[in-house]
Amino acid sequence: MTTSTDTKENLKPTKIWKCKNAECKAWVRDEFAASEQKCPICSGPMLRSMRHLPPVQNKAKSQPRKPKSDF
């Protein structure tokens, strides 16, 4: 069973972009943000911020190649 302290230990400070519009709750991690910083929901301006989020593995693990004789 996971406790709230276990979850808090897995979080790390992460750079994000959040929408400036107070009614819009959109945000995106910096590493997944587009080069043009427009809100993906309301198209408003975005500003930099920080959040404590769990780490994300954003690279697929490479699979070993099968020899051609296995095809």
C-alpha atoms as a PDB file:
ATOM      1  CA  MET A   1       0.000   0.000   0.000  1.00  0.00           C
ATOM      2  CA  THR A   2       1.333   3.426  -0.931  1.00  0.00           C
ATOM      3  CA  THR A   3       1.192   6.259   1.551  1.00  0.00           C
ATOM      4  CA  SER A   4       1.180   9.957   0.817  1.00  0.00           C
ATOM      5  CA  THR A   5       4.788  10.254   2.039  1.00  0.00           C
ATOM      6  CA  ASP A   6       5.893   7.586  -0.466  1.00  0.00           C
ATOM      7  CA  THR A   7       4.251   9.567  -3.257  1.00  0.00           C
ATOM      8  CA  LYS A   8       5.860  12.837  -2.133  1.00  0.00           C
ATOM      9  CA  GLU A   9       9.321  11.232  -2.174  1.00  0.00           C
ATOM     10  CA  ASN A  10       8.932  10.343  -5.877  1.00  0.00           C
ATOM     11  CA  LEU A  11       8.159  13.938  -6.903  1.00  0.00           C
ATOM     12  CA  LYS A  12      10.819  16.259  -8.272  1.00  0.00           C
ATOM     13  CA  PRO A  13      10.728  19.958  -9.225  1.00  0.00           C
ATOM     14  CA  THR A  14       9.803  20.168 -12.907  1.00  0.00           C
ATOM     15  CA  LYS A  15       9.753  23.167 -15.259  1.00  0.00           C
ATOM     16  CA  ILE A  16       6.320  23.689 -16.813  1.00  0.00           C
ATOM     17  CA  TRP A  17       4.439  26.206 -18.926  1.00  0.00           C
ATOM     18  CA  LYS A  18       1.017  27.202 -17.600  1.00  0.00           C
ATOM     19  CA  CYS A  19      -1.739  29.264 -19.168  1.00  0.00           C
ATOM     20  CA  LYS A  20      -1.917  32.889 -18.042  1.00  0.00           C
ATOM     21  CA  ASN A  21      -5.710  32.905 -18.338  1.00  0.00           C
ATOM     22  CA  ALA A  22      -7.155  32.468 -14.808  1.00  0.00           C
ATOM     23  CA  GLU A  23     -10.142  30.458 -16.092  1.00  0.00           C
ATOM     24  CA  CYS A  24      -7.954  28.018 -18.060  1.00  0.00           C
ATOM     25  CA  LYS A  25      -6.210  25.240 -16.102  1.00  0.00           C
ATOM     26  CA  ALA A  26      -3.911  24.051 -18.925  1.00  0.00           C
ATOM     27  CA  TRP A  27      -0.214  23.351 -18.336  1.00  0.00           C
ATOM     28  CA  VAL A  28       2.483  21.319 -20.068  1.00  0.00           C
ATOM     29  CA  ARG A  29       5.926  20.048 -19.066  1.00  0.00           C
ATOM     30  CA  ASP A  30       8.765  22.090 -20.566  1.00  0.00           C
ATOM     31  CA  GLU A  31      10.257  19.069 -22.368  1.00  0.00           C
ATOM     32  CA  PHE A  32       6.926  18.424 -24.148  1.00  0.00           C
ATOM     33  CA  ALA A  33       6.101  22.069 -24.937  1.00  0.00           C
ATOM     34  CA  ALA A  34       5.983  23.365 -28.490  1.00  0.00           C
ATOM     35  CA  SER A  35       8.474  25.990 -29.615  1.00  0.00           C
ATOM     36  CA  GLU A  36       5.670  28.564 -29.821  1.00  0.00           C
ATOM     37  CA  GLN A  37       4.287  29.035 -26.306  1.00  0.00           C
ATOM     38  CA  LYS A  38       0.522  29.201 -26.891  1.00  0.00           C
ATOM     39  CA  CYS A  39      -2.007  27.457 -24.677  1.00  0.00           C
ATOM     40  CA  PRO A  40      -3.128  24.218 -26.354  1.00  0.00           C
ATOM     41  CA  ILE A  41      -6.691  24.724 -25.060  1.00  0.00           C
ATOM     42  CA  CYS A  42      -7.519  28.442 -25.256  1.00  0.00           C
ATOM     43  CA  SER A  43      -4.578  29.670 -27.436  1.00  0.00           C
ATOM     44  CA  GLY A  44      -3.714  32.278 -24.780  1.00  0.00           C
ATOM     45  CA  PRO A  45      -0.216  33.205 -23.615  1.00  0.00           C
ATOM     46  CA  MET A  46       1.745  30.799 -21.405  1.00  0.00           C
ATOM     47  CA  LEU A  47       4.205  31.563 -18.614  1.00  0.00           C
ATOM     48  CA  ARG A  48       6.985  29.508 -17.028  1.00  0.00           C
ATOM     49  CA  SER A  49       6.461  27.934 -13.645  1.00  0.00           C
ATOM     50  CA  MET A  50       7.532  24.959 -11.516  1.00  0.00           C
ATOM     51  CA  ARG A  51       5.580  21.973 -10.169  1.00  0.00           C
ATOM     52  CA  HIS A  52       6.574  18.946  -8.162  1.00  0.00           C
ATOM     53  CA  LEU A  53       5.738  16.041 -10.475  1.00  0.00           C
ATOM     54  CA  PRO A  54       6.705  12.399 -10.784  1.00  0.00           C
ATOM     55  CA  PRO A  55       9.527  11.819 -13.277  1.00  0.00           C
ATOM     56  CA  VAL A  56       8.577  10.752 -16.806  1.00  0.00           C
ATOM     57  CA  GLN A  57      10.529   8.378 -18.985  1.00  0.00           C
ATOM     58  CA  ASN A  58      10.311  10.069 -22.369  1.00  0.00           C
ATOM     59  CA  LYS A  59      12.589   7.744 -24.309  1.00  0.00           C
ATOM     60  CA  ALA A  60      11.514   4.330 -25.468  1.00  0.00           C
ATOM     61  CA  LYS A  61      13.786   1.506 -24.435  1.00  0.00           C
ATOM     62  CA  SER A  62      15.585   0.062 -27.417  1.00  0.00           C
ATOM     63  CA  GLN A  63      14.631  -3.492 -28.242  1.00  0.00           C
ATOM     64  CA  PRO A  64      17.332  -5.911 -29.373  1.00  0.00           C
ATOM     65  CA  ARG A  65      17.068  -6.652 -33.085  1.00  0.00           C
ATOM     66  CA  LYS A  66      16.163 -10.124 -34.215  1.00  0.00           C
ATOM     67  CA  PRO A  67      18.520 -11.812 -36.653  1.00  0.00           C
ATOM     68  CA  LYS A  68      17.213 -11.966 -40.228  1.00  0.00           C
ATOM     69  CA  SER A  69      17.095 -15.744 -39.986  1.00  0.00           C
ATOM     70  CA  ASP A  70      14.217 -15.448 -37.433  1.00  0.00           C
ATOM     71  CA  PHE A  71      11.891 -13.727 -39.962  1.00  0.00           C
END
